[in-house]
Amino acid sequence: MPRIYAELIVAGRKTFTQVPEQVKADVKLVLKEYVVDGRLTPEQYQDLVGEPYVG
C-alpha cells in the first residue's frame, strides 16, 4: 500500500497530507528509495513530503 500512495503522490494525484497517518512513515521510506534510485531528486522529495531529504 505505501508504494501505491508513493506512486500517486509522484503522479500528482494525491498529496502527502492525504496519506493516512498509519502509512506515512512507510510512504516516506518508499519516496526515499526513489531518491536513491534516481527517480526523484532530493528537491522533489522535499516538495512532495514537505521536509528535507536526509539519506
N, C-alpha and C. Protein backbone atom coordinates (compact mmCIF):
# COMPACT_ATOMS: atom_id res chain seq x y z
N MET A 1 0.80 -1.20 0.00
CA MET A 1 0.00 0.00 0.00
C MET A 1 0.86 1.28 0.00
N PRO A 2 1.97 1.31 0.76
CA PRO A 2 2.80 2.52 0.74
C PRO A 2 3.32 2.84 -0.66
N ARG A 3 3.68 1.82 -1.43
CA ARG A 3 4.19 2.06 -2.78
C ARG A 3 3.10 2.67 -3.67
N ILE A 4 1.87 2.24 -3.49
CA ILE A 4 0.76 2.79 -4.27
C ILE A 4 0.58 4.27 -3.95
N TYR A 5 0.59 4.60 -2.67
CA TYR A 5 0.48 6.01 -2.28
C TYR A 5 1.65 6.82 -2.83
N ALA A 6 2.85 6.27 -2.77
CA ALA A 6 4.02 6.98 -3.30
C ALA A 6 3.86 7.24 -4.79
N GLU A 7 3.39 6.25 -5.53
CA GLU A 7 3.18 6.44 -6.97
C GLU A 7 2.13 7.50 -7.24
N LEU A 8 1.05 7.51 -6.46
CA LEU A 8 0.01 8.52 -6.63
C LEU A 8 0.54 9.92 -6.32
N ILE A 9 1.38 10.03 -5.32
CA ILE A 9 1.98 11.32 -4.97
C ILE A 9 2.89 11.80 -6.09
N VAL A 10 3.74 10.93 -6.58
CA VAL A 10 4.67 11.29 -7.66
C VAL A 10 3.88 11.70 -8.92
N ALA A 11 2.77 11.02 -9.17
CA ALA A 11 1.95 11.32 -10.34
C ALA A 11 1.12 12.59 -10.16
N GLY A 12 1.08 13.11 -8.94
CA GLY A 12 0.32 14.33 -8.70
C GLY A 12 -1.16 14.10 -8.43
N ARG A 13 -1.54 12.85 -8.20
CA ARG A 13 -2.95 12.53 -7.97
C ARG A 13 -3.33 12.60 -6.50
N LYS A 14 -2.33 12.54 -5.62
CA LYS A 14 -2.52 12.68 -4.17
C LYS A 14 -1.40 13.56 -3.64
N THR A 15 -1.63 14.12 -2.47
CA THR A 15 -0.57 14.84 -1.77
C THR A 15 -0.19 14.04 -0.53
N PHE A 16 0.97 14.33 0.00
CA PHE A 16 1.42 13.59 1.18
C PHE A 16 0.47 13.80 2.35
N THR A 17 -0.14 14.97 2.45
CA THR A 17 -1.07 15.24 3.55
C THR A 17 -2.33 14.38 3.44
N GLN A 18 -2.63 13.85 2.28
CA GLN A 18 -3.80 13.00 2.09
C GLN A 18 -3.53 11.53 2.46
N VAL A 19 -2.29 11.21 2.76
CA VAL A 19 -1.93 9.83 3.11
C VAL A 19 -2.36 9.56 4.55
N PRO A 20 -2.99 8.42 4.82
CA PRO A 20 -3.37 8.09 6.20
C PRO A 20 -2.15 8.04 7.12
N GLU A 21 -2.33 8.52 8.34
CA GLU A 21 -1.24 8.61 9.31
C GLU A 21 -0.51 7.29 9.50
N GLN A 22 -1.24 6.18 9.51
CA GLN A 22 -0.62 4.88 9.81
C GLN A 22 0.36 4.41 8.74
N VAL A 23 0.33 5.01 7.54
CA VAL A 23 1.27 4.57 6.49
C VAL A 23 2.24 5.67 6.06
N LYS A 24 2.14 6.85 6.65
CA LYS A 24 3.01 7.96 6.23
C LYS A 24 4.49 7.62 6.34
N ALA A 25 4.91 7.00 7.43
CA ALA A 25 6.33 6.67 7.60
C ALA A 25 6.80 5.72 6.50
N ASP A 26 5.96 4.76 6.14
CA ASP A 26 6.34 3.81 5.09
C ASP A 26 6.36 4.47 3.72
N VAL A 27 5.46 5.41 3.49
CA VAL A 27 5.45 6.14 2.22
C VAL A 27 6.73 6.98 2.11
N LYS A 28 7.15 7.60 3.20
CA LYS A 28 8.41 8.36 3.20
C LYS A 28 9.58 7.45 2.82
N LEU A 29 9.59 6.24 3.37
CA LEU A 29 10.67 5.31 3.04
C LEU A 29 10.68 4.97 1.56
N VAL A 30 9.51 4.76 0.98
CA VAL A 30 9.43 4.47 -0.46
C VAL A 30 9.93 5.66 -1.26
N LEU A 31 9.50 6.86 -0.89
CA LEU A 31 9.96 8.05 -1.61
C LEU A 31 11.46 8.25 -1.46
N LYS A 32 12.02 7.91 -0.31
CA LYS A 32 13.47 7.99 -0.13
C LYS A 32 14.17 6.97 -1.02
N GLU A 33 13.58 5.80 -1.18
CA GLU A 33 14.13 4.81 -2.12
C GLU A 33 14.15 5.38 -3.53
N TYR A 34 13.11 6.11 -3.89
CA TYR A 34 13.06 6.72 -5.22
C TYR A 34 14.20 7.72 -5.41
N VAL A 35 14.58 8.43 -4.36
CA VAL A 35 15.71 9.36 -4.46
C VAL A 35 16.99 8.57 -4.68
N VAL A 36 17.18 7.51 -3.91
CA VAL A 36 18.38 6.67 -4.04
C VAL A 36 18.46 6.07 -5.44
N ASP A 37 17.31 5.64 -5.97
CA ASP A 37 17.25 5.02 -7.30
C ASP A 37 17.33 6.04 -8.44
N GLY A 38 17.26 7.33 -8.10
CA GLY A 38 17.34 8.36 -9.13
C GLY A 38 16.01 8.72 -9.76
N ARG A 39 14.92 8.21 -9.22
CA ARG A 39 13.59 8.54 -9.76
C ARG A 39 13.14 9.91 -9.30
N LEU A 40 13.64 10.36 -8.16
CA LEU A 40 13.34 11.68 -7.62
C LEU A 40 14.64 12.35 -7.22
N THR A 41 14.65 13.66 -7.25
CA THR A 41 15.77 14.41 -6.70
C THR A 41 15.45 14.72 -5.23
N PRO A 42 16.46 15.04 -4.44
CA PRO A 42 16.18 15.45 -3.06
C PRO A 42 15.24 16.65 -2.99
N GLU A 43 15.33 17.53 -3.97
CA GLU A 43 14.46 18.70 -4.00
C GLU A 43 13.01 18.29 -4.27
N GLN A 44 12.81 17.33 -5.16
CA GLN A 44 11.47 16.84 -5.43
C GLN A 44 10.89 16.16 -4.20
N TYR A 45 11.71 15.38 -3.52
CA TYR A 45 11.27 14.74 -2.27
C TYR A 45 10.78 15.80 -1.29
N GLN A 46 11.57 16.85 -1.14
CA GLN A 46 11.21 17.92 -0.20
C GLN A 46 9.90 18.58 -0.62
N ASP A 47 9.73 18.82 -1.90
CA ASP A 47 8.49 19.42 -2.38
C ASP A 47 7.29 18.52 -2.12
N LEU A 48 7.47 17.22 -2.29
CA LEU A 48 6.35 16.28 -2.13
C LEU A 48 6.01 16.02 -0.67
N VAL A 49 7.03 15.89 0.18
CA VAL A 49 6.81 15.49 1.57
C VAL A 49 6.72 16.70 2.51
N GLY A 50 7.40 17.78 2.15
CA GLY A 50 7.38 18.96 2.99
C GLY A 50 8.47 19.00 4.04
N GLU A 51 9.47 18.14 3.87
CA GLU A 51 10.63 18.15 4.77
C GLU A 51 11.86 17.78 3.96
N PRO A 52 13.04 18.24 4.40
CA PRO A 52 14.25 17.96 3.65
C PRO A 52 14.56 16.46 3.57
N TYR A 53 15.17 16.08 2.47
CA TYR A 53 15.62 14.69 2.30
C TYR A 53 16.88 14.48 3.11
N VAL A 54 16.86 13.47 3.96
CA VAL A 54 18.04 13.06 4.72
C VAL A 54 18.25 11.59 4.43
N GLY A 55 19.32 11.30 3.70
CA GLY A 55 19.55 9.94 3.25
C GLY A 55 20.32 9.09 4.14
